[in-house]
Amino acid sequence: MMSENIKDYDIVIIGGGPAGLAAGLYAARGNMKTVILEKLIPGGQLNNTLDVENYPGIDHVTGPQIAQAMEEQTKRFGCEIVNTCTISEVELSKGRHLIKSDRGIYRAQALIVATGSEYRKLNVPGEKEYSGKGVSYCAVCDGAFFKEKKLVVIGGGDSAVEEGNFLTKFASSVTIMHRRDKFRAEKIIQDRAFKNPKINVIWNTVVNEIKGDVMSVVGLKVKDVVTNEVRDFPCDGIFIYVGLDPNTQLFKDKLKMDSTGRLETNERMETSVSGVYAAGDVRETPLKQAVTAAADGSLAATMAIEYIESLHDSIVKAK
């Protein structure tokens, strides 16, 4: 491997969501040569969030607006951001981590993993076949395509109920189906849904199959988990919000993970490998929000700076 093909940085951050952008901001302000490698565009799940009302200090803003502001602030302090970067492999070793990508090979003294998570699939017949043809995981992205249509939202958490409310701006009706008999969403979000005349809720129900014609979704085959009754439910589209799976495939057998595939860290965001940190939804955390991801990122960067400085101190002492 020729050295001139390697781009050297103090800190490399994989992932440009709230955790990665906050880490980039703190690392760059700490006078570290820093780059963020992002597979799409900065912002992560914020880009799929319409209304943000619980970010401290900001009364109301859209997810993309926060994402753009964070990106601009991070760049202003000197952090480099490489978009549409696909990483093929990582090699982890103390003080010298290699990240191989279609944009070149990056070498870092410290690595921060902020790869986030992606929407969990139902894994039922028809889901893959009709993805983009009535099956969606992003109401903000696709809601406008379903004007005066009959829609179904699957899930019972904040995202499912909140996006169900959002979809009523376009749809003639929205049915929220949940496998349990109550939502997990915040009460204020639930209250909005229950007061919305366009929303109907079906409890204790799961999807067995997504049905469609050549062009699009036409209905679902659903099952009542209490009575075991199976029936057809006609609809024009389905929005799926049943959880998130961490993007940790690159680190399998390289970093310690829990049973869900999330990276294990201590309170300093340190992973099982020296000089490698994890921040945001990619690690196990009881609250998966932009504000907590940003906090993780800022702490990870601070700890990474301390680590790099300790490496330099040890070299000086050795001399």
C-alpha atoms as a PDB file:
ATOM      1  CA  MET A   1       0.000   0.000   0.000  1.00  0.00           C
ATOM      2  CA  MET A   2       1.597   3.284  -1.089  1.00  0.00           C
ATOM      3  CA  SER A   3       1.717   5.934   1.624  1.00  0.00           C
ATOM      4  CA  GLU A   4       0.742   8.688  -0.824  1.00  0.00           C
ATOM      5  CA  ASN A   5      -2.627   6.984  -1.297  1.00  0.00           C
ATOM      6  CA  ILE A   6      -3.474   7.444   2.377  1.00  0.00           C
ATOM      7  CA  LYS A   7      -5.069  10.605   3.742  1.00  0.00           C
ATOM      8  CA  ASP A   8      -3.973  11.290   7.310  1.00  0.00           C
ATOM      9  CA  TYR A   9      -6.199  12.857   9.964  1.00  0.00           C
ATOM     10  CA  ASP A  10      -6.159  13.174  13.716  1.00  0.00           C
ATOM     11  CA  ILE A  11      -9.793  12.075  13.934  1.00  0.00           C
ATOM     12  CA  VAL A  12     -12.007  10.345  11.385  1.00  0.00           C
ATOM     13  CA  ILE A  13     -15.764  10.280  12.052  1.00  0.00           C
ATOM     14  CA  ILE A  14     -17.936   7.769  10.216  1.00  0.00           C
ATOM     15  CA  GLY A  15     -21.472   9.116   9.919  1.00  0.00           C
ATOM     16  CA  GLY A  16     -22.825  12.634   9.510  1.00  0.00           C
ATOM     17  CA  GLY A  17     -25.972  12.612  11.621  1.00  0.00           C
ATOM     18  CA  PRO A  18     -26.376  14.705  14.807  1.00  0.00           C
ATOM     19  CA  ALA A  19     -23.783  12.588  16.644  1.00  0.00           C
ATOM     20  CA  GLY A  20     -21.223  12.806  13.845  1.00  0.00           C
ATOM     21  CA  LEU A  21     -21.746  16.526  13.227  1.00  0.00           C
ATOM     22  CA  ALA A  22     -21.438  17.363  16.933  1.00  0.00           C
ATOM     23  CA  ALA A  23     -18.310  15.232  17.151  1.00  0.00           C
ATOM     24  CA  GLY A  24     -16.873  17.032  14.130  1.00  0.00           C
ATOM     25  CA  LEU A  25     -17.632  20.413  15.669  1.00  0.00           C
ATOM     26  CA  TYR A  26     -15.933  19.598  18.982  1.00  0.00           C
ATOM     27  CA  ALA A  27     -12.975  17.863  17.330  1.00  0.00           C
ATOM     28  CA  ALA A  28     -12.323  20.751  14.929  1.00  0.00           C
ATOM     29  CA  ARG A  29     -12.681  23.331  17.713  1.00  0.00           C
ATOM     30  CA  GLY A  30     -10.111  21.248  19.625  1.00  0.00           C
ATOM     31  CA  ASN A  31      -7.642  21.936  16.833  1.00  0.00           C
ATOM     32  CA  MET A  32      -7.785  18.384  15.496  1.00  0.00           C
ATOM     33  CA  LYS A  33      -7.542  17.684  11.774  1.00  0.00           C
ATOM     34  CA  THR A  34     -10.943  16.061  11.317  1.00  0.00           C
ATOM     35  CA  VAL A  35     -13.058  14.568   8.557  1.00  0.00           C
ATOM     36  CA  ILE A  36     -16.611  13.217   8.554  1.00  0.00           C
ATOM     37  CA  LEU A  37     -17.343  10.418   6.076  1.00  0.00           C
ATOM     38  CA  GLU A  38     -21.083  10.313   5.285  1.00  0.00           C
ATOM     39  CA  LYS A  39     -22.730   7.745   3.014  1.00  0.00           C
ATOM     40  CA  LEU A  40     -25.491  10.161   1.900  1.00  0.00           C
ATOM     41  CA  ILE A  41     -25.814  13.770   3.061  1.00  0.00           C
ATOM     42  CA  PRO A  42     -25.326  15.230   6.563  1.00  0.00           C
ATOM     43  CA  GLY A  43     -28.259  15.092   8.948  1.00  0.00           C
ATOM     44  CA  GLY A  44     -29.070  11.406   9.264  1.00  0.00           C
ATOM     45  CA  GLN A  45     -32.608  10.729  10.471  1.00  0.00           C
ATOM     46  CA  LEU A  46     -33.137  14.477  10.939  1.00  0.00           C
ATOM     47  CA  ASN A  47     -33.605  14.713   7.180  1.00  0.00           C
ATOM     48  CA  ASN A  48     -36.689  12.491   7.543  1.00  0.00           C
ATOM     49  CA  THR A  49     -38.207  14.444  10.434  1.00  0.00           C
ATOM     50  CA  LEU A  50     -40.647  17.244   9.713  1.00  0.00           C
ATOM     51  CA  ASP A  51     -41.365  18.942  13.025  1.00  0.00           C
ATOM     52  CA  VAL A  52     -38.879  19.132  15.905  1.00  0.00           C
ATOM     53  CA  GLU A  53     -40.395  20.646  19.040  1.00  0.00           C
ATOM     54  CA  ASN A  54     -38.196  19.174  21.773  1.00  0.00           C
ATOM     55  CA  TYR A  55     -34.724  20.452  20.889  1.00  0.00           C
ATOM     56  CA  PRO A  56     -33.690  22.682  23.834  1.00  0.00           C
ATOM     57  CA  GLY A  57     -33.647  26.382  23.054  1.00  0.00           C
ATOM     58  CA  ILE A  58     -35.510  26.038  19.751  1.00  0.00           C
ATOM     59  CA  ASP A  59     -39.282  26.353  19.924  1.00  0.00           C
ATOM     60  CA  HIS A  60     -40.078  24.892  16.520  1.00  0.00           C
ATOM     61  CA  VAL A  61     -37.924  23.870  13.583  1.00  0.00           C
ATOM     62  CA  THR A  62     -37.817  21.189  10.912  1.00  0.00           C
ATOM     63  CA  GLY A  63     -35.322  18.350  10.985  1.00  0.00           C
ATOM     64  CA  PRO A  64     -33.612  19.413   7.719  1.00  0.00           C
ATOM     65  CA  GLN A  65     -33.198  22.953   9.094  1.00  0.00           C
ATOM     66  CA  ILE A  66     -31.355  21.664  12.168  1.00  0.00           C
ATOM     67  CA  ALA A  67     -29.262  19.366   9.989  1.00  0.00           C
ATOM     68  CA  GLN A  68     -28.226  22.209   7.701  1.00  0.00           C
ATOM     69  CA  ALA A  69     -27.391  24.521  10.611  1.00  0.00           C
ATOM     70  CA  MET A  70     -25.275  21.834  12.290  1.00  0.00           C
ATOM     71  CA  GLU A  71     -23.446  21.086   9.037  1.00  0.00           C
ATOM     72  CA  GLU A  72     -22.647  24.746   8.385  1.00  0.00           C
ATOM     73  CA  GLN A  73     -21.447  25.297  11.951  1.00  0.00           C
ATOM     74  CA  THR A  74     -19.224  22.209  11.848  1.00  0.00           C
ATOM     75  CA  LYS A  75     -17.658  23.266   8.555  1.00  0.00           C
ATOM     76  CA  ARG A  76     -17.130  26.802   9.839  1.00  0.00           C
ATOM     77  CA  PHE A  77     -14.744  25.481  12.474  1.00  0.00           C
ATOM     78  CA  GLY A  78     -12.698  23.604   9.884  1.00  0.00           C
ATOM     79  CA  CYS A  79     -14.113  20.086   9.876  1.00  0.00           C
ATOM     80  CA  GLU A  80     -14.059  18.484   6.425  1.00  0.00           C
ATOM     81  CA  ILE A  81     -17.174  16.603   5.304  1.00  0.00           C
ATOM     82  CA  VAL A  82     -17.104  14.010   2.531  1.00  0.00           C
ATOM     83  CA  ASN A  83     -20.606  13.134   1.279  1.00  0.00           C
ATOM     84  CA  THR A  84     -21.760  10.048  -0.663  1.00  0.00           C
ATOM     85  CA  CYS A  85     -18.807   8.107   0.701  1.00  0.00           C
ATOM     86  CA  THR A  86     -19.094   4.319   0.738  1.00  0.00           C
ATOM     87  CA  ILE A  87     -16.799   2.547   3.197  1.00  0.00           C
ATOM     88  CA  SER A  88     -15.779  -0.990   2.316  1.00  0.00           C
ATOM     89  CA  GLU A  89     -13.532  -1.952   5.226  1.00  0.00           C
ATOM     90  CA  VAL A  90     -11.987  -0.739   8.465  1.00  0.00           C
ATOM     91  CA  GLU A  91      -8.761  -1.894  10.110  1.00  0.00           C
ATOM     92  CA  LEU A  92      -8.470  -1.028  13.770  1.00  0.00           C
ATOM     93  CA  SER A  93      -5.185  -0.832  15.668  1.00  0.00           C
ATOM     94  CA  LYS A  94      -3.886   1.430  18.424  1.00  0.00           C
ATOM     95  CA  GLY A  95      -3.053   4.882  17.117  1.00  0.00           C
ATOM     96  CA  ARG A  96      -3.490   3.881  13.475  1.00  0.00           C
ATOM     97  CA  HIS A  97      -6.982   3.123  12.216  1.00  0.00           C
ATOM     98  CA  LEU A  98      -7.501   2.650   8.480  1.00  0.00           C
ATOM     99  CA  ILE A  99     -10.815   3.359   6.757  1.00  0.00           C
ATOM    100  CA  LYS A 100     -11.033   2.158   3.152  1.00  0.00           C
ATOM    101  CA  SER A 101     -13.645   3.805   0.931  1.00  0.00           C
ATOM    102  CA  ASP A 102     -14.529   4.665  -2.645  1.00  0.00           C
ATOM    103  CA  ARG A 103     -13.128   8.142  -1.904  1.00  0.00           C
ATOM    104  CA  GLY A 104      -9.730   6.819  -0.846  1.00  0.00           C
ATOM    105  CA  ILE A 105      -8.074   5.448   2.258  1.00  0.00           C
ATOM    106  CA  TYR A 106      -8.215   7.484   5.449  1.00  0.00           C
ATOM    107  CA  ARG A 107      -5.900   6.995   8.422  1.00  0.00           C
ATOM    108  CA  ALA A 108      -6.652   8.322  11.880  1.00  0.00           C
ATOM    109  CA  GLN A 109      -5.215   8.291  15.359  1.00  0.00           C
ATOM    110  CA  ALA A 110      -8.765   8.171  16.721  1.00  0.00           C
ATOM    111  CA  LEU A 111     -11.992   6.957  15.136  1.00  0.00           C
ATOM    112  CA  ILE A 112     -15.535   7.939  16.104  1.00  0.00           C
ATOM    113  CA  VAL A 113     -18.308   5.630  14.897  1.00  0.00           C
ATOM    114  CA  ALA A 114     -21.557   7.556  14.429  1.00  0.00           C
ATOM    115  CA  THR A 115     -23.154   5.401  11.745  1.00  0.00           C
ATOM    116  CA  GLY A 116     -26.613   5.607  13.299  1.00  0.00           C
ATOM    117  CA  SER A 117     -29.379   3.219  12.426  1.00  0.00           C
ATOM    118  CA  GLU A 118     -31.883   2.446   9.698  1.00  0.00           C
ATOM    119  CA  TYR A 119     -35.573   1.673   9.697  1.00  0.00           C
ATOM    120  CA  ARG A 120     -36.396  -1.892  10.676  1.00  0.00           C
ATOM    121  CA  LYS A 121     -38.307  -3.920   8.121  1.00  0.00           C
ATOM    122  CA  LEU A 122     -41.404  -6.026   8.732  1.00  0.00           C
ATOM    123  CA  ASN A 123     -39.908  -8.795   6.586  1.00  0.00           C
ATOM    124  CA  VAL A 124     -43.279  -9.893   5.241  1.00  0.00           C
ATOM    125  CA  PRO A 125     -44.234 -10.888   1.689  1.00  0.00           C
ATOM    126  CA  GLY A 126     -44.740  -7.852  -0.533  1.00  0.00           C
ATOM    127  CA  GLU A 127     -42.657  -5.417   1.530  1.00  0.00           C
ATOM    128  CA  LYS A 128     -39.599  -5.526  -0.699  1.00  0.00           C
ATOM    129  CA  GLU A 129     -41.606  -5.844  -3.914  1.00  0.00           C
ATOM    130  CA  TYR A 130     -43.688  -2.730  -3.222  1.00  0.00           C
ATOM    131  CA  SER A 131     -41.007  -0.566  -1.630  1.00  0.00           C
ATOM    132  CA  GLY A 132     -41.395   2.795  -3.355  1.00  0.00           C
ATOM    133  CA  LYS A 133     -44.735   1.656  -4.765  1.00  0.00           C
ATOM    134  CA  GLY A 134     -46.819   2.259  -1.677  1.00  0.00           C
ATOM    135  CA  VAL A 135     -44.428   0.956   0.993  1.00  0.00           C
ATOM    136  CA  SER A 136     -42.519   3.771   2.693  1.00  0.00           C
ATOM    137  CA  TYR A 137     -40.468   4.429   5.826  1.00  0.00           C
ATOM    138  CA  CYS A 138     -40.548   8.225   5.584  1.00  0.00           C
ATOM    139  CA  ALA A 139     -43.745  10.252   5.780  1.00  0.00           C
ATOM    140  CA  VAL A 140     -41.911  13.523   5.195  1.00  0.00           C
ATOM    141  CA  CYS A 141     -40.346  12.141   2.023  1.00  0.00           C
ATOM    142  CA  ASP A 142     -43.402  10.462   0.513  1.00  0.00           C
ATOM    143  CA  GLY A 143     -46.541  11.802   2.192  1.00  0.00           C
ATOM    144  CA  ALA A 144     -47.337  14.287  -0.573  1.00  0.00           C
ATOM    145  CA  PHE A 145     -47.660  11.423  -3.075  1.00  0.00           C
ATOM    146  CA  PHE A 146     -50.730  10.110  -1.247  1.00  0.00           C
ATOM    147  CA  LYS A 147     -53.224  12.949  -1.499  1.00  0.00           C
ATOM    148  CA  GLU A 148     -56.752  11.782  -0.657  1.00  0.00           C
ATOM    149  CA  LYS A 149     -55.520   8.196  -0.243  1.00  0.00           C
ATOM    150  CA  LYS A 150     -56.250   5.663   2.464  1.00  0.00           C
ATOM    151  CA  LEU A 151     -53.055   5.010   4.420  1.00  0.00           C
ATOM    152  CA  VAL A 152     -51.864   2.670   7.160  1.00  0.00           C
ATOM    153  CA  VAL A 153     -49.093   3.392   9.652  1.00  0.00           C
ATOM    154  CA  ILE A 154     -47.488   0.461  11.470  1.00  0.00           C
ATOM    155  CA  GLY A 155     -46.043   1.026  14.936  1.00  0.00           C
ATOM    156  CA  GLY A 156     -46.767   2.542  18.321  1.00  0.00           C
ATOM    157  CA  GLY A 157     -43.796   4.710  19.221  1.00  0.00           C
ATOM    158  CA  ASP A 158     -43.209   8.443  18.841  1.00  0.00           C
ATOM    159  CA  SER A 159     -42.310   8.213  15.147  1.00  0.00           C
ATOM    160  CA  ALA A 160     -45.321   6.106  14.170  1.00  0.00           C
ATOM    161  CA  VAL A 161     -47.923   8.247  15.927  1.00  0.00           C
ATOM    162  CA  GLU A 162     -46.300  11.554  15.030  1.00  0.00           C
ATOM    163  CA  GLU A 163     -45.948  10.661  11.361  1.00  0.00           C
ATOM    164  CA  GLY A 164     -49.511   9.349  11.363  1.00  0.00           C
ATOM    165  CA  ASN A 165     -50.618  12.832  12.374  1.00  0.00           C
ATOM    166  CA  PHE A 166     -48.461  14.364   9.660  1.00  0.00           C
ATOM    167  CA  LEU A 167     -49.897  12.101   6.950  1.00  0.00           C
ATOM    168  CA  THR A 168     -53.426  13.382   7.624  1.00  0.00           C
ATOM    169  CA  LYS A 169     -52.343  16.589   5.867  1.00  0.00           C
ATOM    170  CA  PHE A 170     -52.504  14.603   2.628  1.00  0.00           C
ATOM    171  CA  ALA A 171     -54.479  11.388   3.137  1.00  0.00           C
ATOM    172  CA  SER A 172     -58.231  10.979   3.315  1.00  0.00           C
ATOM    173  CA  SER A 173     -57.716   8.670   6.304  1.00  0.00           C
ATOM    174  CA  VAL A 174     -54.879   7.188   8.333  1.00  0.00           C
ATOM    175  CA  THR A 175     -55.148   3.950  10.286  1.00  0.00           C
ATOM    176  CA  ILE A 176     -52.463   3.320  12.888  1.00  0.00           C
ATOM    177  CA  MET A 177     -52.011  -0.404  13.524  1.00  0.00           C
ATOM    178  CA  HIS A 178     -50.137  -1.521  16.616  1.00  0.00           C
ATOM    179  CA  ARG A 179     -49.311  -5.007  17.807  1.00  0.00           C
ATOM    180  CA  ARG A 180     -50.055  -4.070  21.420  1.00  0.00           C
ATOM    181  CA  ASP A 181     -53.083  -2.547  23.175  1.00  0.00           C
ATOM    182  CA  LYS A 182     -51.464   0.816  23.901  1.00  0.00           C
ATOM    183  CA  PHE A 183     -48.924   3.176  22.370  1.00  0.00           C
ATOM    184  CA  ARG A 184     -45.395   3.799  23.625  1.00  0.00           C
ATOM    185  CA  ALA A 185     -45.421   7.334  22.229  1.00  0.00           C
ATOM    186  CA  GLU A 186     -45.288  10.433  24.438  1.00  0.00           C
ATOM    187  CA  LYS A 187     -48.690  11.395  25.813  1.00  0.00           C
ATOM    188  CA  ILE A 188     -48.772  14.756  24.017  1.00  0.00           C
ATOM    189  CA  ILE A 189     -48.236  12.986  20.681  1.00  0.00           C
ATOM    190  CA  GLN A 190     -50.906  10.398  21.489  1.00  0.00           C
ATOM    191  CA  ASP A 191     -53.394  13.102  22.444  1.00  0.00           C
ATOM    192  CA  ARG A 192     -52.976  14.783  19.065  1.00  0.00           C
ATOM    193  CA  ALA A 193     -53.649  11.513  17.280  1.00  0.00           C
ATOM    194  CA  PHE A 194     -56.730  10.638  19.311  1.00  0.00           C
ATOM    195  CA  LYS A 195     -58.170  14.107  18.637  1.00  0.00           C
ATOM    196  CA  ASN A 196     -57.481  13.934  14.909  1.00  0.00           C
ATOM    197  CA  PRO A 197     -60.724  13.021  13.064  1.00  0.00           C
ATOM    198  CA  LYS A 198     -58.803  11.455  10.178  1.00  0.00           C
ATOM    199  CA  ILE A 199     -57.004   8.930  12.417  1.00  0.00           C
ATOM    200  CA  ASN A 200     -58.312   5.511  13.341  1.00  0.00           C
ATOM    201  CA  VAL A 201     -56.431   3.079  15.601  1.00  0.00           C
ATOM    202  CA  ILE A 202     -56.462  -0.716  15.411  1.00  0.00           C
ATOM    203  CA  TRP A 203     -54.885  -2.482  18.392  1.00  0.00           C
ATOM    204  CA  ASN A 204     -53.329  -5.945  18.750  1.00  0.00           C
ATOM    205  CA  THR A 205     -52.786  -6.302  15.026  1.00  0.00           C
ATOM    206  CA  VAL A 206     -49.804  -7.311  12.874  1.00  0.00           C
ATOM    207  CA  VAL A 207     -49.251  -7.384   9.123  1.00  0.00           C
ATOM    208  CA  ASN A 208     -48.846 -10.815   7.516  1.00  0.00           C
ATOM    209  CA  GLU A 209     -48.590  -9.661   3.921  1.00  0.00           C
ATOM    210  CA  ILE A 210     -48.567  -6.534   1.775  1.00  0.00           C
ATOM    211  CA  LYS A 211     -50.678  -6.971  -1.344  1.00  0.00           C
ATOM    212  CA  GLY A 212     -50.637  -5.034  -4.572  1.00  0.00           C
ATOM    213  CA  ASP A 213     -51.159  -4.966  -8.295  1.00  0.00           C
ATOM    214  CA  VAL A 214     -48.586  -4.237 -10.980  1.00  0.00           C
ATOM    215  CA  MET A 215     -48.256  -0.588  -9.999  1.00  0.00           C
ATOM    216  CA  SER A 216     -48.864  -0.184  -6.266  1.00  0.00           C
ATOM    217  CA  VAL A 217     -50.116  -1.409  -2.904  1.00  0.00           C
ATOM    218  CA  VAL A 218     -53.828  -2.239  -2.759  1.00  0.00           C
ATOM    219  CA  GLY A 219     -54.140  -3.687   0.717  1.00  0.00           C
ATOM    220  CA  LEU A 220     -52.804  -5.749   3.594  1.00  0.00           C
ATOM    221  CA  LYS A 221     -53.439  -9.150   5.085  1.00  0.00           C
ATOM    222  CA  VAL A 222     -53.525  -8.543   8.844  1.00  0.00           C
ATOM    223  CA  LYS A 223     -53.849 -10.729  11.918  1.00  0.00           C
ATOM    224  CA  ASP A 224     -55.431 -10.002  15.284  1.00  0.00           C
ATOM    225  CA  VAL A 225     -52.900 -11.377  17.796  1.00  0.00           C
ATOM    226  CA  VAL A 226     -55.615 -11.900  20.425  1.00  0.00           C
ATOM    227  CA  THR A 227     -58.262 -13.717  18.372  1.00  0.00           C
ATOM    228  CA  ASN A 228     -55.901 -14.979  15.605  1.00  0.00           C
ATOM    229  CA  GLU A 229     -58.414 -13.727  13.050  1.00  0.00           C
ATOM    230  CA  VAL A 230     -56.834 -13.027   9.656  1.00  0.00           C
ATOM    231  CA  ARG A 231     -58.504 -10.570   7.316  1.00  0.00           C
ATOM    232  CA  ASP A 232     -57.860  -8.297   4.355  1.00  0.00           C
ATOM    233  CA  PHE A 233     -57.527  -4.575   4.926  1.00  0.00           C
ATOM    234  CA  PRO A 234     -57.718  -2.369   1.810  1.00  0.00           C
ATOM    235  CA  CYS A 235     -55.392   0.646   1.617  1.00  0.00           C
ATOM    236  CA  ASP A 236     -53.327   2.657  -0.854  1.00  0.00           C
ATOM    237  CA  GLY A 237     -50.083   2.826   1.095  1.00  0.00           C
ATOM    238  CA  ILE A 238     -48.290   1.676   4.221  1.00  0.00           C
ATOM    239  CA  PHE A 239     -45.757   3.581   6.320  1.00  0.00           C
ATOM    240  CA  ILE A 240     -43.630   1.380   8.571  1.00  0.00           C
ATOM    241  CA  TYR A 241     -42.228   2.564  11.917  1.00  0.00           C
ATOM    242  CA  VAL A 242     -41.361  -0.512  13.975  1.00  0.00           C
ATOM    243  CA  GLY A 243     -37.933   0.444  15.264  1.00  0.00           C
ATOM    244  CA  LEU A 244     -34.383   0.980  14.173  1.00  0.00           C
ATOM    245  CA  ASP A 245     -31.482  -1.386  13.513  1.00  0.00           C
ATOM    246  CA  PRO A 246     -27.910  -0.150  14.068  1.00  0.00           C
ATOM    247  CA  ASN A 247     -25.540   0.238  11.121  1.00  0.00           C
ATOM    248  CA  THR A 248     -22.704  -1.808  12.582  1.00  0.00           C
ATOM    249  CA  GLN A 249     -21.976  -4.348   9.845  1.00  0.00           C
ATOM    250  CA  LEU A 250     -18.522  -2.842   9.225  1.00  0.00           C
ATOM    251  CA  PHE A 251     -17.503  -3.600  12.793  1.00  0.00           C
ATOM    252  CA  LYS A 252     -18.669  -7.190  13.160  1.00  0.00           C
ATOM    253  CA  ASP A 253     -16.007  -9.206  15.012  1.00  0.00           C
ATOM    254  CA  LYS A 254     -13.965  -6.005  15.404  1.00  0.00           C
ATOM    255  CA  LEU A 255     -15.840  -4.155  18.141  1.00  0.00           C
ATOM    256  CA  LYS A 256     -17.836  -5.597  21.010  1.00  0.00           C
ATOM    257  CA  MET A 257     -21.605  -5.465  20.448  1.00  0.00           C
ATOM    258  CA  ASP A 258     -24.697  -6.325  22.454  1.00  0.00           C
ATOM    259  CA  SER A 259     -27.378  -8.807  21.404  1.00  0.00           C
ATOM    260  CA  THR A 260     -29.093  -6.180  19.210  1.00  0.00           C
ATOM    261  CA  GLY A 261     -25.902  -5.397  17.277  1.00  0.00           C
ATOM    262  CA  ARG A 262     -25.306  -2.053  18.956  1.00  0.00           C
ATOM    263  CA  LEU A 263     -21.772  -1.102  19.958  1.00  0.00           C
ATOM    264  CA  GLU A 264     -20.964  -1.382  23.631  1.00  0.00           C
ATOM    265  CA  THR A 265     -19.386   1.695  25.208  1.00  0.00           C
ATOM    266  CA  ASN A 266     -18.576   3.010  28.642  1.00  0.00           C
ATOM    267  CA  GLU A 267     -19.576   6.439  29.944  1.00  0.00           C
ATOM    268  CA  ARG A 268     -16.637   7.967  28.041  1.00  0.00           C
ATOM    269  CA  MET A 269     -17.992   6.599  24.723  1.00  0.00           C
ATOM    270  CA  GLU A 270     -14.998   4.243  24.511  1.00  0.00           C
ATOM    271  CA  THR A 271     -15.538   0.975  22.646  1.00  0.00           C
ATOM    272  CA  SER A 272     -13.647  -2.293  23.125  1.00  0.00           C
ATOM    273  CA  VAL A 273     -10.740  -1.045  20.976  1.00  0.00           C
ATOM    274  CA  SER A 274      -8.408   1.683  22.184  1.00  0.00           C
ATOM    275  CA  GLY A 275      -8.887   4.956  20.325  1.00  0.00           C
ATOM    276  CA  VAL A 276     -12.264   3.985  18.871  1.00  0.00           C
ATOM    277  CA  TYR A 277     -15.409   5.701  20.155  1.00  0.00           C
ATOM    278  CA  ALA A 278     -19.108   5.350  19.379  1.00  0.00           C
ATOM    279  CA  ALA A 279     -21.860   7.979  19.562  1.00  0.00           C
ATOM    280  CA  GLY A 280     -25.586   8.192  18.899  1.00  0.00           C
ATOM    281  CA  ASP A 281     -28.039   5.488  17.883  1.00  0.00           C
ATOM    282  CA  VAL A 282     -25.239   3.096  16.952  1.00  0.00           C
ATOM    283  CA  ARG A 283     -24.693   2.468  20.679  1.00  0.00           C
ATOM    284  CA  GLU A 284     -27.194   1.288  23.243  1.00  0.00           C
ATOM    285  CA  THR A 285     -28.943   4.286  24.733  1.00  0.00           C
ATOM    286  CA  PRO A 286     -32.357   4.535  26.421  1.00  0.00           C
ATOM    287  CA  LEU A 287     -33.322   7.679  24.490  1.00  0.00           C
ATOM    288  CA  LYS A 288     -32.729   7.972  20.752  1.00  0.00           C
ATOM    289  CA  GLN A 289     -33.107  11.675  20.011  1.00  0.00           C
ATOM    290  CA  ALA A 290     -31.089  14.302  18.145  1.00  0.00           C
ATOM    291  CA  VAL A 291     -30.192  16.042  21.404  1.00  0.00           C
ATOM    292  CA  THR A 292     -28.808  12.880  23.020  1.00  0.00           C
ATOM    293  CA  ALA A 293     -26.939  11.930  19.847  1.00  0.00           C
ATOM    294  CA  ALA A 294     -25.329  15.380  19.769  1.00  0.00           C
ATOM    295  CA  ALA A 295     -24.343  15.017  23.428  1.00  0.00           C
ATOM    296  CA  ASP A 296     -22.767  11.626  22.679  1.00  0.00           C
ATOM    297  CA  GLY A 297     -20.835  13.105  19.762  1.00  0.00           C
ATOM    298  CA  SER A 298     -19.457  16.021  21.746  1.00  0.00           C
ATOM    299  CA  LEU A 299     -18.302  13.691  24.528  1.00  0.00           C
ATOM    300  CA  ALA A 300     -16.782  11.189  22.092  1.00  0.00           C
ATOM    301  CA  ALA A 301     -14.773  13.953  20.410  1.00  0.00           C
ATOM    302  CA  THR A 302     -13.574  15.329  23.744  1.00  0.00           C
ATOM    303  CA  MET A 303     -12.416  11.876  24.835  1.00  0.00           C
ATOM    304  CA  ALA A 304     -10.755  11.303  21.456  1.00  0.00           C
ATOM    305  CA  ILE A 305      -8.804  14.544  21.838  1.00  0.00           C
ATOM    306  CA  GLU A 306      -7.625  13.463  25.294  1.00  0.00           C
ATOM    307  CA  TYR A 307      -6.579  10.108  23.856  1.00  0.00           C
ATOM    308  CA  ILE A 308      -4.547  11.677  21.035  1.00  0.00           C
ATOM    309  CA  GLU A 309      -2.855  14.048  23.450  1.00  0.00           C
ATOM    310  CA  SER A 310      -1.938  11.089  25.671  1.00  0.00           C
ATOM    311  CA  LEU A 311      -0.333   9.358  22.675  1.00  0.00           C
ATOM    312  CA  HIS A 312       1.755  12.448  21.977  1.00  0.00           C
ATOM    313  CA  ASP A 313       2.733  12.729  25.668  1.00  0.00           C
ATOM    314  CA  SER A 314       3.927   9.118  25.713  1.00  0.00           C
ATOM    315  CA  ILE A 315       6.073   9.719  22.607  1.00  0.00           C
ATOM    316  CA  VAL A 316       7.666  12.794  24.205  1.00  0.00           C
ATOM    317  CA  LYS A 317       8.406  10.864  27.415  1.00  0.00           C
ATOM    318  CA  ALA A 318       9.941   8.013  25.416  1.00  0.00           C
ATOM    319  CA  LYS A 319      12.400  10.462  23.852  1.00  0.00           C
END
